[in-house]
Amino acid sequence: MVVGLAEVVRGDNNLYLRVLENLERHVMGKKQSLLKQTQKKLLDGKAINPIKVVIESKNQGGFQTKILIRDHEIISDQPFGFNGQNKGPKPSELVLAALAACQETTYRIFAEDMGIEIGEISVQLKGTQDLRGFMALDEKIPAGFTNIVGQIFIQSDATEEELELLRQRVDQYCPVLDDLRRPVDVSFSIKRRSN
């Protein structure tokens, strides 16, 4: 037996309007992009903001480090040629990995919002580091990367103009790219632990 909306509300116009509003919110929520949904939650005060990202790193001896992130564990190490055991990526490689993963995520978020269908997406990055900076041989040379260049490989039927607009939005709003491009206030303190 199929019951119509009018039969359910039985002439109660207020109930009818509430049901329609709930239905509209449900339908619109399904159609809205993750970007729009999150923007709405932020504007309505329903999202936790600002968020705090917390990690812990524990040296395992030598250069090997166990990095704890939420429910995840990553091992970082130096390559054999730098007195490491090559048990995982070195920290500068993790910086590039974070940038690549963040680019892919940001492409997905903004492509969905723009109505651009994406199949596969991958990022290839290359960072150049002059070790004279890291090894304290030249104060004028940065200890970290001097430049990072990358390519985005994307499977999509979008036009070149749409992909360029997408790239511009991603470059503007990618959090890790933003962290690398602007000065971020970073401070450390040191605490002695007893043996």
Protein backbone atom coordinates (compact mmCIF):
# COMPACT_ATOMS: atom_id res chain seq x y z
CA MET A 1 0.00 0.00 0.00
CA VAL A 2 1.44 3.36 -1.02
CA VAL A 3 0.51 6.30 1.19
CA GLY A 4 0.82 9.84 -0.15
CA LEU A 5 2.33 12.74 1.77
CA ALA A 6 -1.04 14.48 2.02
CA GLU A 7 -2.56 11.39 3.66
CA VAL A 8 0.27 11.23 6.21
CA VAL A 9 -0.03 14.86 7.33
CA ARG A 10 -3.87 14.81 7.14
CA GLY A 11 -4.31 18.49 6.40
CA ASP A 12 -1.73 19.71 8.94
CA ASN A 13 0.03 22.41 6.87
CA ASN A 14 2.77 22.97 9.46
CA LEU A 15 3.65 19.28 9.48
CA TYR A 16 3.47 19.25 5.66
CA LEU A 17 5.97 22.14 5.47
CA ARG A 18 8.33 20.53 8.02
CA VAL A 19 8.28 17.24 6.09
CA LEU A 20 9.04 19.08 2.84
CA GLU A 21 11.87 21.04 4.48
CA ASN A 22 13.38 17.84 5.89
CA LEU A 23 13.04 16.15 2.52
CA GLU A 24 14.68 19.12 0.78
CA ARG A 25 17.55 19.17 3.31
CA HIS A 26 18.04 15.42 2.83
CA VAL A 27 18.03 15.66 -0.98
CA MET A 28 20.19 18.80 -1.07
CA GLY A 29 22.63 17.29 1.43
CA LYS A 30 23.13 14.31 -0.87
CA LYS A 31 23.72 16.55 -3.88
CA GLN A 32 25.97 19.11 -2.21
CA SER A 33 29.69 18.69 -2.58
CA LEU A 34 31.85 17.95 0.44
CA LEU A 35 33.19 21.49 0.09
CA LYS A 36 29.70 23.05 0.29
CA GLN A 37 28.65 20.75 3.14
CA THR A 38 31.73 21.65 5.16
CA GLN A 39 31.39 25.36 4.39
CA LYS A 40 27.81 25.22 5.64
CA LYS A 41 28.83 23.42 8.85
CA LEU A 42 31.54 26.00 9.45
CA LEU A 43 29.15 28.91 8.87
CA ASP A 44 26.49 27.31 11.09
CA GLY A 45 29.03 26.65 13.86
CA LYS A 46 28.44 22.88 13.61
CA ALA A 47 32.02 21.98 12.72
CA ILE A 48 34.97 21.81 15.10
CA ASN A 49 37.13 24.78 14.21
CA PRO A 50 39.99 25.45 14.43
CA ILE A 51 41.19 21.86 14.32
CA LYS A 52 44.36 20.74 16.05
CA VAL A 53 46.64 18.23 14.31
CA VAL A 54 48.82 16.31 16.75
CA ILE A 55 51.65 13.88 16.04
CA GLU A 56 54.29 12.28 18.21
CA SER A 57 57.70 11.14 17.07
CA LYS A 58 59.84 8.66 19.05
CA ASN A 59 63.41 7.91 18.09
CA GLN A 60 64.06 4.17 17.86
CA GLY A 61 67.85 4.39 17.86
CA GLY A 62 70.15 5.82 15.22
CA PHE A 63 68.09 7.82 12.73
CA GLN A 64 65.04 5.54 12.80
CA THR A 65 61.93 7.26 14.12
CA LYS A 66 58.44 5.98 14.84
CA ILE A 67 55.82 8.64 14.04
CA LEU A 68 52.42 8.23 15.65
CA ILE A 69 49.50 9.95 13.90
CA ARG A 70 45.99 9.23 15.20
CA ASP A 71 45.70 5.42 14.79
CA HIS A 72 48.59 5.24 12.33
CA GLU A 73 52.30 4.59 12.58
CA ILE A 74 54.98 5.64 10.09
CA ILE A 75 58.66 4.74 10.27
CA SER A 76 61.15 7.33 9.09
CA ASP A 77 64.84 6.66 8.61
CA GLN A 78 67.84 7.86 6.66
CA PRO A 79 69.18 5.91 3.67
CA PHE A 80 72.16 3.56 4.01
CA GLY A 81 74.48 6.18 2.52
CA PHE A 82 73.68 8.56 5.37
CA ASN A 83 74.27 6.08 8.22
CA GLY A 84 70.62 5.03 8.32
CA GLN A 85 69.08 1.60 8.01
CA ASN A 86 66.72 2.64 5.18
CA LYS A 87 63.67 1.38 7.14
CA GLY A 88 61.44 4.17 5.82
CA PRO A 89 61.39 7.49 4.01
CA LYS A 90 63.56 10.29 5.33
CA PRO A 91 61.79 13.35 6.78
CA SER A 92 62.21 15.52 3.68
CA GLU A 93 60.59 12.75 1.61
CA LEU A 94 57.68 12.75 4.06
CA VAL A 95 57.27 16.48 3.43
CA LEU A 96 56.95 15.78 -0.31
CA ALA A 97 54.61 12.85 0.37
CA ALA A 98 52.38 15.08 2.51
CA LEU A 99 52.29 17.70 -0.26
CA ALA A 100 51.46 15.11 -2.96
CA ALA A 101 48.69 13.48 -0.89
CA CYS A 102 47.24 16.88 0.03
CA GLN A 103 47.23 17.94 -3.62
CA GLU A 104 45.31 14.80 -4.60
CA THR A 105 42.78 15.35 -1.80
CA THR A 106 42.33 19.02 -2.67
CA TYR A 107 41.89 18.18 -6.38
CA ARG A 108 39.14 15.71 -5.48
CA ILE A 109 37.34 18.20 -3.19
CA PHE A 110 37.38 21.10 -5.64
CA ALA A 111 36.73 18.98 -8.76
CA GLU A 112 33.58 17.60 -7.13
CA ASP A 113 32.46 21.12 -6.24
CA MET A 114 33.10 22.35 -9.79
CA GLY A 115 31.28 19.35 -11.30
CA ILE A 116 34.46 17.99 -12.89
CA GLU A 117 34.63 14.20 -13.06
CA ILE A 118 38.04 12.78 -12.16
CA GLY A 119 39.10 9.19 -12.69
CA GLU A 120 42.68 8.58 -11.62
CA ILE A 121 44.88 11.28 -10.18
CA SER A 122 48.52 11.10 -9.18
CA VAL A 123 51.25 13.54 -8.28
CA GLN A 124 54.96 13.35 -8.95
CA LEU A 125 57.22 15.75 -7.03
CA LYS A 126 60.92 16.45 -7.08
CA GLY A 127 62.60 18.51 -4.38
CA THR A 128 66.13 19.87 -4.60
CA GLN A 129 68.14 20.17 -1.40
CA ASP A 130 71.68 21.54 -1.11
CA LEU A 131 73.26 19.54 1.71
CA ARG A 132 75.76 22.31 2.44
CA GLY A 133 72.89 24.12 4.19
CA PHE A 134 71.85 21.11 6.30
CA MET A 135 75.49 20.27 7.14
CA ALA A 136 76.19 23.85 8.32
CA LEU A 137 78.82 24.58 5.66
CA ASP A 138 77.16 27.72 4.23
CA GLU A 139 74.81 29.94 6.24
CA LYS A 140 73.42 31.45 3.02
CA ILE A 141 72.07 28.09 1.78
CA PRO A 142 68.74 26.91 3.24
CA ALA A 143 68.84 23.68 5.27
CA GLY A 144 65.69 22.45 3.53
CA PHE A 145 64.49 22.37 -0.06
CA THR A 146 65.61 25.13 -2.39
CA ASN A 147 62.79 24.29 -4.79
CA ILE A 148 60.03 21.78 -5.41
CA VAL A 149 58.57 21.05 -8.84
CA GLY A 150 55.72 18.73 -9.60
CA GLN A 151 53.36 17.31 -12.16
CA ILE A 152 49.74 16.36 -11.67
CA PHE A 153 48.50 13.45 -13.76
CA ILE A 154 44.73 13.53 -14.03
CA GLN A 155 42.19 11.43 -15.90
CA SER A 156 39.25 13.63 -16.85
CA ASP A 157 37.08 14.68 -19.78
CA ALA A 158 37.17 18.30 -18.55
CA THR A 159 38.37 21.02 -20.93
CA GLU A 160 41.85 22.51 -20.62
CA GLU A 161 40.25 25.72 -19.32
CA GLU A 162 38.32 23.82 -16.62
CA LEU A 163 41.44 21.93 -15.55
CA GLU A 164 43.44 25.16 -15.39
CA LEU A 165 40.78 26.80 -13.22
CA LEU A 166 40.78 23.68 -11.03
CA ARG A 167 44.59 23.85 -10.74
CA GLN A 168 44.40 27.49 -9.68
CA ARG A 169 41.82 26.73 -6.99
CA VAL A 170 43.85 23.77 -5.71
CA ASP A 171 47.04 25.85 -5.61
CA GLN A 172 45.15 28.52 -3.66
CA TYR A 173 43.50 26.22 -1.10
CA CYS A 174 45.79 23.17 -0.68
CA PRO A 175 46.72 23.31 3.05
CA VAL A 176 50.16 21.69 2.82
CA LEU A 177 51.12 23.84 -0.18
CA ASP A 178 49.98 26.86 1.83
CA ASP A 179 52.13 25.72 4.77
CA LEU A 180 55.17 25.52 2.49
CA ARG A 181 54.57 28.84 0.72
CA ARG A 182 53.98 31.17 3.64
CA PRO A 183 55.80 31.60 6.90
CA VAL A 184 54.15 29.50 9.62
CA ASP A 185 54.75 30.37 13.26
CA VAL A 186 56.71 27.39 14.61
CA SER A 187 58.18 27.22 18.10
CA PHE A 188 59.84 24.47 20.12
CA SER A 189 60.68 24.07 23.77
CA ILE A 190 62.91 21.41 25.26
CA LYS A 191 62.18 19.36 28.36
CA ARG A 192 64.64 17.09 30.07
CA ARG A 193 63.43 13.59 30.83
CA SER A 194 64.85 11.66 33.74
CA ASN A 195 66.58 8.36 33.07
